[in-house]
Amino acid sequence: MGRLGWRSANSGIVAARAPARRLRALPAPIRERPLSGGTPAQARRAAERLGTLFRLFNYMHRVGALGAGDTLDRLETQNAMHKYAYVAKRLGVPLDYEFEFMENGAYSGEIFMDVYYRGCAAGGAEPFANEPGLSRTFVRLVKGRGAEWLHLTTFALDEGHAGESREGFVARVRRVNPEYERGLAGEVFDHVAACLGGEAGRQ
């Protein structure tokens, strides 16, 4: 059966070499640095962090991953931004956020606060600039997906579980939250593996 396997890569997604289905390599996790403090440099970094987050939000509207009604005034969209940001960060977008895993997947207290301070955003990095393959992969992973699917996607992309089998993944997420259905968890695992494998360039 398939396993979740991460390998080092300079950029992008490494195509499958072995017949077993594995999650393809992603860039190494970005090291976090605290943004607390009152210096002008720290304030600029915080503004750029916000800028990158909301560039991601605008990018998702441009590529059709979010609809016209998906505004940050909606609680559902605010909650989903934690998942979108985690997936984007695992694909290399320089989002300067720390994440922890709750029973509903990846969560960042910093994003929770930043959504309310979005008027302070300035600058930031454009998501997937000059990376059309990663952009397509991101869209395939999140477009049109409901909350529970997104929760499970972040679990599948957790680099802390390298080499995890499909069965191991299903068992793990059901230990975290028994309400996750086995069939859906397995389907998400297969979808993430396909997106990060040889088919990742197609949308």
N, C-alpha and C. Protein backbone atom coordinates (compact mmCIF):
# COMPACT_ATOMS: atom_id res chain seq x y z
N MET A 1 0.84 -1.19 0.00
CA MET A 1 0.00 0.00 0.00
C MET A 1 0.88 1.24 0.00
N GLY A 2 0.28 2.43 -0.29
CA GLY A 2 1.04 3.66 -0.36
C GLY A 2 1.52 4.11 1.00
N ARG A 3 2.57 4.92 0.97
CA ARG A 3 3.08 5.51 2.18
C ARG A 3 3.33 6.98 1.94
N LEU A 4 3.28 7.75 3.03
CA LEU A 4 3.63 9.15 2.94
C LEU A 4 5.13 9.26 3.04
N GLY A 5 5.81 9.69 1.98
CA GLY A 5 7.27 9.73 2.01
C GLY A 5 7.78 11.09 1.59
N TRP A 6 8.55 11.77 2.46
CA TRP A 6 9.12 13.07 2.12
C TRP A 6 10.60 12.87 1.82
N ARG A 7 11.07 13.55 0.79
CA ARG A 7 12.49 13.54 0.48
C ARG A 7 12.96 14.96 0.27
N SER A 8 14.25 15.22 0.47
CA SER A 8 14.78 16.56 0.29
C SER A 8 14.71 16.94 -1.18
N ALA A 9 14.41 18.23 -1.43
CA ALA A 9 14.38 18.73 -2.80
C ALA A 9 14.71 20.21 -2.75
N ASN A 10 15.39 20.71 -3.80
CA ASN A 10 15.70 22.13 -3.82
C ASN A 10 14.45 22.95 -4.08
N SER A 11 13.58 22.46 -4.97
CA SER A 11 12.34 23.19 -5.25
C SER A 11 11.42 22.25 -5.98
N GLY A 12 10.13 22.61 -5.98
CA GLY A 12 9.15 21.86 -6.76
C GLY A 12 8.84 20.52 -6.19
N ILE A 13 8.35 19.65 -7.06
CA ILE A 13 7.88 18.33 -6.67
C ILE A 13 8.66 17.29 -7.44
N VAL A 14 9.19 16.29 -6.75
CA VAL A 14 9.98 15.24 -7.37
C VAL A 14 9.05 14.14 -7.87
N ALA A 15 9.22 13.76 -9.11
CA ALA A 15 8.35 12.73 -9.69
C ALA A 15 8.61 11.39 -9.03
N ALA A 16 7.60 10.52 -9.09
CA ALA A 16 7.71 9.20 -8.46
C ALA A 16 8.75 8.35 -9.18
N ARG A 17 9.53 7.61 -8.39
CA ARG A 17 10.50 6.67 -8.96
C ARG A 17 10.09 5.23 -8.64
N ALA A 18 9.53 5.01 -7.46
CA ALA A 18 9.13 3.67 -7.05
C ALA A 18 7.67 3.45 -7.41
N PRO A 19 7.28 2.19 -7.62
CA PRO A 19 5.89 1.93 -7.99
C PRO A 19 4.91 2.23 -6.88
N ALA A 20 5.34 2.17 -5.61
CA ALA A 20 4.42 2.44 -4.51
C ALA A 20 4.06 3.92 -4.49
N ARG A 21 2.81 4.21 -4.19
CA ARG A 21 2.37 5.60 -4.13
C ARG A 21 2.90 6.26 -2.88
N ARG A 22 3.56 7.40 -3.07
CA ARG A 22 4.11 8.17 -1.96
C ARG A 22 3.80 9.63 -2.19
N LEU A 23 3.72 10.40 -1.12
CA LEU A 23 3.62 11.84 -1.27
C LEU A 23 4.98 12.37 -1.71
N ARG A 24 4.98 13.23 -2.71
CA ARG A 24 6.23 13.71 -3.26
C ARG A 24 6.90 14.71 -2.33
N ALA A 25 8.16 14.98 -2.60
CA ALA A 25 8.94 15.86 -1.74
C ALA A 25 8.46 17.30 -1.88
N LEU A 26 8.47 18.01 -0.77
CA LEU A 26 8.15 19.43 -0.74
C LEU A 26 9.36 20.17 -0.20
N PRO A 27 9.39 21.50 -0.36
CA PRO A 27 10.51 22.25 0.24
C PRO A 27 10.55 22.03 1.75
N ALA A 28 11.74 22.16 2.33
CA ALA A 28 11.88 22.00 3.78
C ALA A 28 11.03 23.03 4.49
N PRO A 29 10.50 22.68 5.67
CA PRO A 29 9.68 23.63 6.42
C PRO A 29 10.44 24.93 6.67
N ILE A 30 9.73 26.04 6.55
CA ILE A 30 10.34 27.35 6.77
C ILE A 30 10.50 27.57 8.27
N ARG A 31 11.69 27.95 8.69
CA ARG A 31 11.92 28.19 10.11
C ARG A 31 11.19 29.45 10.55
N GLU A 32 10.53 29.36 11.68
CA GLU A 32 9.77 30.48 12.20
C GLU A 32 10.64 31.34 13.10
N ARG A 33 10.40 32.65 13.09
CA ARG A 33 11.05 33.57 14.01
C ARG A 33 9.98 34.44 14.63
N PRO A 34 10.09 34.74 15.92
CA PRO A 34 9.03 35.51 16.58
C PRO A 34 8.90 36.90 15.98
N LEU A 35 7.67 37.36 15.86
CA LEU A 35 7.39 38.68 15.32
C LEU A 35 7.03 39.68 16.42
N SER A 36 7.03 39.21 17.67
CA SER A 36 6.68 40.11 18.76
C SER A 36 7.78 41.14 18.97
N GLY A 37 7.40 42.28 19.51
CA GLY A 37 8.38 43.34 19.74
C GLY A 37 7.91 44.61 19.09
N GLY A 38 8.63 45.69 19.35
CA GLY A 38 8.14 46.98 18.89
C GLY A 38 9.08 47.73 17.99
N THR A 39 10.12 47.08 17.46
CA THR A 39 11.07 47.81 16.61
C THR A 39 10.47 48.03 15.23
N PRO A 40 10.92 49.06 14.52
CA PRO A 40 10.42 49.29 13.16
C PRO A 40 10.63 48.08 12.25
N ALA A 41 11.77 47.40 12.39
CA ALA A 41 12.03 46.24 11.54
C ALA A 41 11.01 45.13 11.80
N GLN A 42 10.67 44.91 13.07
CA GLN A 42 9.69 43.88 13.40
C GLN A 42 8.31 44.27 12.90
N ALA A 43 7.99 45.54 12.95
CA ALA A 43 6.70 46.01 12.44
C ALA A 43 6.61 45.80 10.93
N ARG A 44 7.73 46.05 10.22
CA ARG A 44 7.74 45.82 8.78
C ARG A 44 7.56 44.35 8.46
N ARG A 45 8.23 43.48 9.24
CA ARG A 45 8.09 42.04 9.00
C ARG A 45 6.66 41.59 9.22
N ALA A 46 6.03 42.10 10.28
CA ALA A 46 4.65 41.73 10.54
C ALA A 46 3.74 42.18 9.41
N ALA A 47 3.98 43.38 8.89
CA ALA A 47 3.16 43.89 7.79
C ALA A 47 3.37 43.05 6.53
N GLU A 48 4.62 42.64 6.27
CA GLU A 48 4.90 41.80 5.10
C GLU A 48 4.29 40.42 5.25
N ARG A 49 4.30 39.88 6.48
CA ARG A 49 3.66 38.60 6.72
C ARG A 49 2.17 38.69 6.38
N LEU A 50 1.53 39.74 6.85
CA LEU A 50 0.13 39.97 6.51
C LEU A 50 -0.04 40.13 5.00
N GLY A 51 0.90 40.86 4.39
CA GLY A 51 0.80 41.08 2.95
C GLY A 51 0.84 39.78 2.17
N THR A 52 1.72 38.86 2.56
CA THR A 52 1.80 37.57 1.87
C THR A 52 0.52 36.77 2.07
N LEU A 53 -0.03 36.79 3.29
CA LEU A 53 -1.27 36.05 3.54
C LEU A 53 -2.40 36.56 2.66
N PHE A 54 -2.52 37.87 2.52
CA PHE A 54 -3.64 38.38 1.75
C PHE A 54 -3.36 38.40 0.25
N ARG A 55 -2.10 38.35 -0.14
CA ARG A 55 -1.80 38.06 -1.53
C ARG A 55 -2.26 36.64 -1.88
N LEU A 56 -2.07 35.70 -0.94
CA LEU A 56 -2.56 34.34 -1.14
C LEU A 56 -4.08 34.34 -1.29
N PHE A 57 -4.75 35.07 -0.43
CA PHE A 57 -6.22 35.16 -0.50
C PHE A 57 -6.65 35.70 -1.86
N ASN A 58 -6.02 36.78 -2.33
CA ASN A 58 -6.38 37.36 -3.62
C ASN A 58 -6.04 36.42 -4.77
N TYR A 59 -4.90 35.75 -4.66
CA TYR A 59 -4.51 34.76 -5.68
C TYR A 59 -5.58 33.68 -5.80
N MET A 60 -6.10 33.21 -4.67
CA MET A 60 -7.11 32.16 -4.71
C MET A 60 -8.37 32.62 -5.41
N HIS A 61 -8.72 33.88 -5.27
CA HIS A 61 -9.85 34.41 -6.04
C HIS A 61 -9.52 34.47 -7.52
N ARG A 62 -8.29 34.88 -7.85
CA ARG A 62 -7.93 35.00 -9.27
C ARG A 62 -7.97 33.66 -9.98
N VAL A 63 -7.54 32.60 -9.31
CA VAL A 63 -7.49 31.28 -9.96
C VAL A 63 -8.78 30.49 -9.78
N GLY A 64 -9.77 31.08 -9.12
CA GLY A 64 -11.06 30.42 -8.98
C GLY A 64 -11.14 29.42 -7.85
N ALA A 65 -10.13 29.40 -6.96
CA ALA A 65 -10.18 28.49 -5.82
C ALA A 65 -11.14 28.99 -4.75
N LEU A 66 -11.43 30.29 -4.78
CA LEU A 66 -12.44 30.89 -3.91
C LEU A 66 -13.47 31.60 -4.78
N GLY A 67 -14.73 31.59 -4.33
CA GLY A 67 -15.78 32.26 -5.06
C GLY A 67 -16.00 33.68 -4.59
N ALA A 68 -16.86 34.40 -5.30
CA ALA A 68 -17.11 35.81 -4.97
C ALA A 68 -17.64 35.98 -3.56
N GLY A 69 -18.39 34.99 -3.07
CA GLY A 69 -18.96 35.08 -1.73
C GLY A 69 -18.02 34.68 -0.62
N ASP A 70 -16.82 34.20 -0.98
CA ASP A 70 -15.85 33.75 0.02
C ASP A 70 -15.02 34.93 0.49
N THR A 71 -15.59 35.73 1.38
CA THR A 71 -14.91 36.90 1.91
C THR A 71 -14.41 36.61 3.32
N LEU A 72 -13.47 37.43 3.77
CA LEU A 72 -12.92 37.25 5.11
C LEU A 72 -13.86 37.75 6.20
N ASP A 73 -15.01 38.24 5.83
CA ASP A 73 -16.04 38.56 6.82
C ASP A 73 -16.80 37.31 7.23
N ARG A 74 -16.67 36.23 6.45
CA ARG A 74 -17.36 34.98 6.76
C ARG A 74 -16.48 34.10 7.65
N LEU A 75 -17.08 33.58 8.71
CA LEU A 75 -16.33 32.74 9.64
C LEU A 75 -15.79 31.50 8.94
N GLU A 76 -16.56 30.93 8.00
CA GLU A 76 -16.11 29.73 7.29
C GLU A 76 -14.83 30.01 6.51
N THR A 77 -14.76 31.18 5.88
CA THR A 77 -13.56 31.53 5.11
C THR A 77 -12.38 31.78 6.03
N GLN A 78 -12.63 32.45 7.15
CA GLN A 78 -11.56 32.69 8.12
C GLN A 78 -10.97 31.36 8.60
N ASN A 79 -11.83 30.40 8.92
CA ASN A 79 -11.35 29.10 9.38
C ASN A 79 -10.57 28.37 8.29
N ALA A 80 -11.07 28.47 7.06
CA ALA A 80 -10.40 27.78 5.95
C ALA A 80 -9.04 28.38 5.64
N MET A 81 -8.82 29.67 5.96
CA MET A 81 -7.54 30.30 5.65
C MET A 81 -6.39 29.61 6.38
N HIS A 82 -6.64 29.05 7.55
CA HIS A 82 -5.58 28.31 8.24
C HIS A 82 -5.12 27.13 7.38
N LYS A 83 -6.09 26.43 6.78
CA LYS A 83 -5.77 25.25 5.97
C LYS A 83 -5.10 25.67 4.65
N TYR A 84 -5.65 26.70 4.00
CA TYR A 84 -5.06 27.16 2.75
C TYR A 84 -3.60 27.60 2.98
N ALA A 85 -3.39 28.34 4.06
CA ALA A 85 -2.05 28.84 4.34
C ALA A 85 -1.08 27.70 4.64
N TYR A 86 -1.54 26.68 5.35
CA TYR A 86 -0.66 25.56 5.65
C TYR A 86 -0.28 24.82 4.38
N VAL A 87 -1.26 24.54 3.53
CA VAL A 87 -0.98 23.84 2.27
C VAL A 87 -0.01 24.67 1.42
N ALA A 88 -0.26 25.98 1.31
CA ALA A 88 0.61 26.84 0.51
C ALA A 88 2.02 26.87 1.07
N LYS A 89 2.14 26.91 2.39
CA LYS A 89 3.47 26.92 3.00
C LYS A 89 4.20 25.61 2.72
N ARG A 90 3.51 24.48 2.77
CA ARG A 90 4.15 23.20 2.48
C ARG A 90 4.60 23.12 1.02
N LEU A 91 4.00 23.94 0.16
CA LEU A 91 4.41 23.98 -1.24
C LEU A 91 5.43 25.09 -1.50
N GLY A 92 5.90 25.75 -0.45
CA GLY A 92 7.01 26.68 -0.60
C GLY A 92 6.69 28.15 -0.50
N VAL A 93 5.43 28.54 -0.33
CA VAL A 93 5.10 29.96 -0.18
C VAL A 93 5.65 30.44 1.16
N PRO A 94 6.41 31.55 1.19
CA PRO A 94 7.06 31.98 2.44
C PRO A 94 6.09 32.65 3.42
N LEU A 95 5.22 31.85 3.99
CA LEU A 95 4.26 32.33 4.98
C LEU A 95 4.86 32.15 6.37
N ASP A 96 5.12 33.25 7.04
CA ASP A 96 5.87 33.24 8.30
C ASP A 96 4.92 32.98 9.48
N TYR A 97 4.32 31.78 9.48
CA TYR A 97 3.37 31.41 10.53
C TYR A 97 3.78 30.09 11.16
N GLU A 98 3.52 29.97 12.45
CA GLU A 98 3.66 28.70 13.14
C GLU A 98 2.30 28.01 13.16
N PHE A 99 2.31 26.69 12.99
CA PHE A 99 1.07 25.92 12.98
C PHE A 99 1.14 24.83 14.04
N GLU A 100 0.00 24.51 14.59
CA GLU A 100 -0.16 23.33 15.43
C GLU A 100 -1.34 22.54 14.88
N PHE A 101 -1.39 21.26 15.24
CA PHE A 101 -2.47 20.42 14.75
C PHE A 101 -3.50 20.20 15.84
N MET A 102 -4.73 20.61 15.52
CA MET A 102 -5.87 20.39 16.39
C MET A 102 -6.67 19.23 15.80
N GLU A 103 -7.83 18.93 16.38
CA GLU A 103 -8.63 17.83 15.83
C GLU A 103 -9.21 18.16 14.46
N ASN A 104 -9.19 19.45 14.08
CA ASN A 104 -9.64 19.82 12.74
C ASN A 104 -8.48 20.26 11.85
N GLY A 105 -7.28 19.72 12.12
CA GLY A 105 -6.15 19.97 11.23
C GLY A 105 -5.30 21.15 11.65
N ALA A 106 -4.54 21.69 10.69
CA ALA A 106 -3.57 22.75 10.97
C ALA A 106 -4.27 24.03 11.40
N TYR A 107 -3.67 24.69 12.40
CA TYR A 107 -4.24 25.92 12.94
C TYR A 107 -3.09 26.83 13.37
N SER A 108 -3.25 28.13 13.11
CA SER A 108 -2.27 29.12 13.53
C SER A 108 -2.97 30.24 14.29
N GLY A 109 -2.59 30.43 15.55
CA GLY A 109 -3.14 31.54 16.31
C GLY A 109 -2.77 32.88 15.72
N GLU A 110 -1.62 32.95 15.01
CA GLU A 110 -1.20 34.20 14.38
C GLU A 110 -2.14 34.56 13.23
N ILE A 111 -2.56 33.58 12.46
CA ILE A 111 -3.52 33.86 11.38
C ILE A 111 -4.84 34.32 11.97
N PHE A 112 -5.27 33.68 13.05
CA PHE A 112 -6.51 34.09 13.72
C PHE A 112 -6.47 35.58 14.03
N MET A 113 -5.33 36.07 14.55
CA MET A 113 -5.21 37.49 14.88
C MET A 113 -5.04 38.34 13.63
N ASP A 114 -4.25 37.86 12.68
CA ASP A 114 -3.95 38.68 11.50
C ASP A 114 -5.18 38.98 10.66
N VAL A 115 -6.13 38.05 10.64
CA VAL A 115 -7.36 38.30 9.88
C VAL A 115 -8.04 39.58 10.37
N TYR A 116 -7.93 39.84 11.65
CA TYR A 116 -8.58 41.03 12.20
C TYR A 116 -7.74 42.29 12.05
N TYR A 117 -6.47 42.14 11.67
CA TYR A 117 -5.59 43.28 11.48
C TYR A 117 -5.19 43.41 10.02
N ARG A 118 -6.05 42.93 9.12
CA ARG A 118 -5.66 42.89 7.72
C ARG A 118 -5.45 44.26 7.10
N GLY A 119 -5.96 45.31 7.73
CA GLY A 119 -5.73 46.66 7.22
C GLY A 119 -4.28 47.09 7.37
N CYS A 120 -3.49 46.33 8.16
CA CYS A 120 -2.07 46.67 8.37
C CYS A 120 -1.15 45.98 7.37
N ALA A 121 -1.71 45.20 6.45
CA ALA A 121 -0.88 44.46 5.50
C ALA A 121 -0.15 45.41 4.56
N ALA A 122 1.09 45.04 4.24
CA ALA A 122 1.88 45.83 3.30
C ALA A 122 2.93 44.93 2.67
N GLY A 123 3.09 45.04 1.35
CA GLY A 123 4.13 44.26 0.67
C GLY A 123 3.81 42.78 0.71
N GLY A 124 4.84 42.00 1.01
CA GLY A 124 4.68 40.55 1.04
C GLY A 124 5.08 39.92 -0.27
N ALA A 125 5.11 38.59 -0.28
CA ALA A 125 5.53 37.81 -1.45
C ALA A 125 4.33 37.33 -2.24
N GLU A 126 4.44 37.34 -3.56
CA GLU A 126 3.37 36.83 -4.41
C GLU A 126 3.42 35.30 -4.42
N PRO A 127 2.30 34.65 -4.10
CA PRO A 127 2.31 33.18 -4.04
C PRO A 127 2.62 32.55 -5.40
N PHE A 128 3.48 31.57 -5.39
CA PHE A 128 3.79 30.73 -6.55
C PHE A 128 4.28 31.55 -7.75
N ALA A 129 4.95 32.66 -7.48
CA ALA A 129 5.51 33.46 -8.58
C ALA A 129 6.50 32.60 -9.36
N ASN A 130 6.32 32.53 -10.68
CA ASN A 130 7.18 31.75 -11.56
C ASN A 130 7.20 30.27 -11.23
N GLU A 131 6.16 29.78 -10.57
CA GLU A 131 6.04 28.36 -10.22
C GLU A 131 4.68 27.83 -10.67
N PRO A 132 4.43 27.77 -11.98
CA PRO A 132 3.09 27.36 -12.43
C PRO A 132 2.72 25.94 -12.03
N GLY A 133 3.71 25.04 -11.95
CA GLY A 133 3.42 23.67 -11.55
C GLY A 133 2.93 23.60 -10.11
N LEU A 134 3.60 24.33 -9.22
CA LEU A 134 3.17 24.35 -7.82
C LEU A 134 1.83 25.04 -7.68
N SER A 135 1.60 26.06 -8.49
CA SER A 135 0.31 26.74 -8.46
C SER A 135 -0.82 25.79 -8.83
N ARG A 136 -0.62 25.00 -9.89
CA ARG A 136 -1.64 24.03 -10.28
C ARG A 136 -1.86 22.98 -9.20
N THR A 137 -0.76 22.57 -8.57
CA THR A 137 -0.87 21.58 -7.50
C THR A 137 -1.69 22.13 -6.35
N PHE A 138 -1.42 23.36 -5.95
CA PHE A 138 -2.17 23.98 -4.87
C PHE A 138 -3.66 24.03 -5.20
N VAL A 139 -3.98 24.45 -6.40
CA VAL A 139 -5.39 24.55 -6.79
C VAL A 139 -6.05 23.17 -6.76
N ARG A 140 -5.35 22.16 -7.27
CA ARG A 140 -5.90 20.80 -7.23
C ARG A 140 -6.15 20.33 -5.80
N LEU A 141 -5.29 20.72 -4.90
CA LEU A 141 -5.42 20.26 -3.53
C LEU A 141 -6.60 20.90 -2.80
N VAL A 142 -6.93 22.17 -3.12
CA VAL A 142 -7.90 22.88 -2.28
C VAL A 142 -9.17 23.31 -2.99
N LYS A 143 -9.15 23.45 -4.31
CA LYS A 143 -10.30 24.04 -4.99
C LYS A 143 -11.56 23.18 -4.84
N GLY A 144 -12.63 23.82 -4.43
CA GLY A 144 -13.92 23.15 -4.33
C GLY A 144 -14.03 22.17 -3.18
N ARG A 145 -13.10 22.19 -2.24
CA ARG A 145 -13.10 21.23 -1.15
C ARG A 145 -13.77 21.80 0.09
N GLY A 146 -14.53 20.96 0.76
CA GLY A 146 -15.21 21.36 1.98
C GLY A 146 -14.28 21.35 3.18
N ALA A 147 -14.82 21.78 4.32
CA ALA A 147 -14.00 21.95 5.52
C ALA A 147 -13.34 20.65 5.95
N GLU A 148 -14.09 19.56 5.99
CA GLU A 148 -13.52 18.31 6.49
C GLU A 148 -12.42 17.79 5.56
N TRP A 149 -12.63 17.94 4.26
CA TRP A 149 -11.60 17.53 3.30
C TRP A 149 -10.32 18.33 3.54
N LEU A 150 -10.46 19.66 3.74
CA LEU A 150 -9.29 20.50 3.99
C LEU A 150 -8.59 20.12 5.29
N HIS A 151 -9.38 19.81 6.32
CA HIS A 151 -8.77 19.36 7.58
C HIS A 151 -7.86 18.16 7.32
N LEU A 152 -8.40 17.16 6.61
CA LEU A 152 -7.65 15.93 6.36
C LEU A 152 -6.46 16.17 5.44
N THR A 153 -6.58 17.11 4.52
CA THR A 153 -5.46 17.43 3.63
C THR A 153 -4.27 17.94 4.43
N THR A 154 -4.54 18.79 5.43
CA THR A 154 -3.41 19.30 6.22
C THR A 154 -2.77 18.18 7.03
N PHE A 155 -3.57 17.24 7.53
CA PHE A 155 -2.99 16.09 8.22
C PHE A 155 -2.10 15.29 7.26
N ALA A 156 -2.55 15.11 6.03
CA ALA A 156 -1.77 14.33 5.06
C ALA A 156 -0.46 15.02 4.70
N LEU A 157 -0.42 16.36 4.79
CA LEU A 157 0.78 17.10 4.44
C LEU A 157 1.69 17.35 5.64
N ASP A 158 1.34 16.83 6.79
CA ASP A 158 2.16 17.03 7.99
C ASP A 158 3.49 16.29 7.82
N GLU A 159 4.58 17.06 7.71
CA GLU A 159 5.89 16.44 7.46
C GLU A 159 6.39 15.63 8.64
N GLY A 160 5.71 15.71 9.77
CA GLY A 160 6.12 14.93 10.92
C GLY A 160 5.78 13.46 10.82
N HIS A 161 5.12 13.05 9.72
CA HIS A 161 4.71 11.65 9.59
C HIS A 161 5.23 11.05 8.29
N ALA A 162 6.51 11.25 8.04
CA ALA A 162 7.15 10.69 6.84
C ALA A 162 7.06 9.17 6.86
N GLY A 163 6.77 8.59 5.71
CA GLY A 163 6.71 7.15 5.58
C GLY A 163 5.43 6.51 6.06
N GLU A 164 4.46 7.32 6.40
CA GLU A 164 3.20 6.79 6.91
C GLU A 164 2.41 6.11 5.81
N SER A 165 1.89 4.95 6.08
CA SER A 165 1.08 4.23 5.10
C SER A 165 -0.33 4.80 5.06
N ARG A 166 -1.06 4.41 4.03
CA ARG A 166 -2.46 4.83 3.91
C ARG A 166 -3.25 4.38 5.13
N GLU A 167 -3.05 3.13 5.52
CA GLU A 167 -3.77 2.60 6.68
C GLU A 167 -3.35 3.33 7.96
N GLY A 168 -2.05 3.64 8.06
CA GLY A 168 -1.57 4.37 9.23
C GLY A 168 -2.15 5.77 9.30
N PHE A 169 -2.27 6.42 8.13
CA PHE A 169 -2.86 7.75 8.08
C PHE A 169 -4.31 7.71 8.54
N VAL A 170 -5.08 6.77 8.00
CA VAL A 170 -6.49 6.67 8.39
C VAL A 170 -6.62 6.43 9.88
N ALA A 171 -5.80 5.54 10.41
CA ALA A 171 -5.86 5.25 11.85
C ALA A 171 -5.48 6.48 12.67
N ARG A 172 -4.47 7.21 12.23
CA ARG A 172 -4.01 8.38 12.99
C ARG A 172 -5.08 9.46 13.06
N VAL A 173 -5.67 9.80 11.91
CA VAL A 173 -6.65 10.88 11.94
C VAL A 173 -7.91 10.48 12.71
N ARG A 174 -8.22 9.20 12.69
CA ARG A 174 -9.39 8.76 13.46
C ARG A 174 -9.10 8.71 14.96
N ARG A 175 -7.83 8.56 15.33
CA ARG A 175 -7.49 8.70 16.74
C ARG A 175 -7.64 10.15 17.19
N VAL A 176 -7.26 11.07 16.31
CA VAL A 176 -7.38 12.49 16.62
C VAL A 176 -8.85 12.88 16.71
N ASN A 177 -9.63 12.43 15.74
CA ASN A 177 -11.06 12.76 15.69
C ASN A 177 -11.81 11.56 15.13
N PRO A 178 -12.47 10.78 16.00
CA PRO A 178 -13.17 9.56 15.53
C PRO A 178 -14.31 9.84 14.55
N GLU A 179 -14.71 11.10 14.41
CA GLU A 179 -15.80 11.41 13.49
C GLU A 179 -15.35 11.39 12.03
N TYR A 180 -14.04 11.40 11.79
CA TYR A 180 -13.58 11.29 10.41
C TYR A 180 -13.90 9.89 9.89
N GLU A 181 -14.55 9.82 8.74
CA GLU A 181 -14.91 8.53 8.16
C GLU A 181 -13.68 7.91 7.49
N ARG A 182 -13.56 6.58 7.64
CA ARG A 182 -12.42 5.88 7.06
C ARG A 182 -12.35 6.09 5.54
N GLY A 183 -13.49 5.98 4.88
CA GLY A 183 -13.49 6.10 3.43
C GLY A 183 -13.03 7.47 2.97
N LEU A 184 -13.50 8.53 3.64
CA LEU A 184 -13.10 9.88 3.26
C LEU A 184 -11.62 10.09 3.53
N ALA A 185 -11.14 9.63 4.67
CA ALA A 185 -9.72 9.79 4.99
C ALA A 185 -8.84 9.11 3.94
N GLY A 186 -9.21 7.91 3.54
CA GLY A 186 -8.44 7.21 2.51
C GLY A 186 -8.50 7.93 1.18
N GLU A 187 -9.66 8.49 0.86
CA GLU A 187 -9.81 9.22 -0.40
C GLU A 187 -8.93 10.46 -0.42
N VAL A 188 -8.86 11.17 0.70
CA VAL A 188 -8.01 12.35 0.79
C VAL A 188 -6.54 11.95 0.64
N PHE A 189 -6.13 10.89 1.32
CA PHE A 189 -4.76 10.40 1.21
C PHE A 189 -4.41 10.14 -0.26
N ASP A 190 -5.28 9.44 -0.97
CA ASP A 190 -5.02 9.11 -2.37
C ASP A 190 -4.95 10.37 -3.23
N HIS A 191 -5.82 11.34 -2.95
CA HIS A 191 -5.85 12.57 -3.74
C HIS A 191 -4.57 13.37 -3.53
N VAL A 192 -4.13 13.50 -2.28
CA VAL A 192 -2.90 14.25 -2.01
C VAL A 192 -1.72 13.55 -2.68
N ALA A 193 -1.66 12.23 -2.58
CA ALA A 193 -0.57 11.50 -3.22
C ALA A 193 -0.56 11.72 -4.73
N ALA A 194 -1.74 11.72 -5.35
CA ALA A 194 -1.82 11.95 -6.80
C ALA A 194 -1.39 13.37 -7.16
N CYS A 195 -1.81 14.35 -6.34
CA CYS A 195 -1.45 15.74 -6.63
C CYS A 195 0.05 15.97 -6.53
N LEU A 196 0.71 15.27 -5.62
CA LEU A 196 2.13 15.47 -5.41
C LEU A 196 2.99 14.49 -6.18
N GLY A 197 2.34 13.61 -6.96
CA GLY A 197 3.07 12.62 -7.72
C GLY A 197 3.21 12.98 -9.18
N GLY A 198 3.23 11.96 -10.00
CA GLY A 198 3.45 12.18 -11.43
C GLY A 198 2.36 12.98 -12.10
N GLU A 199 1.16 13.03 -11.52
CA GLU A 199 0.06 13.75 -12.13
C GLU A 199 -0.04 15.17 -11.63
N ALA A 200 0.89 15.61 -10.80
CA ALA A 200 0.75 16.91 -10.15
C ALA A 200 0.76 18.07 -11.12
N GLY A 201 1.32 17.89 -12.31
CA GLY A 201 1.36 18.99 -13.26
C GLY A 201 0.06 19.22 -13.98
N ARG A 202 -0.88 18.28 -13.85
CA ARG A 202 -2.16 18.44 -14.54
C ARG A 202 -3.21 18.97 -13.60
N GLN A 203 -4.18 19.69 -14.12
CA GLN A 203 -5.26 20.23 -13.29
C GLN A 203 -6.59 19.71 -13.82
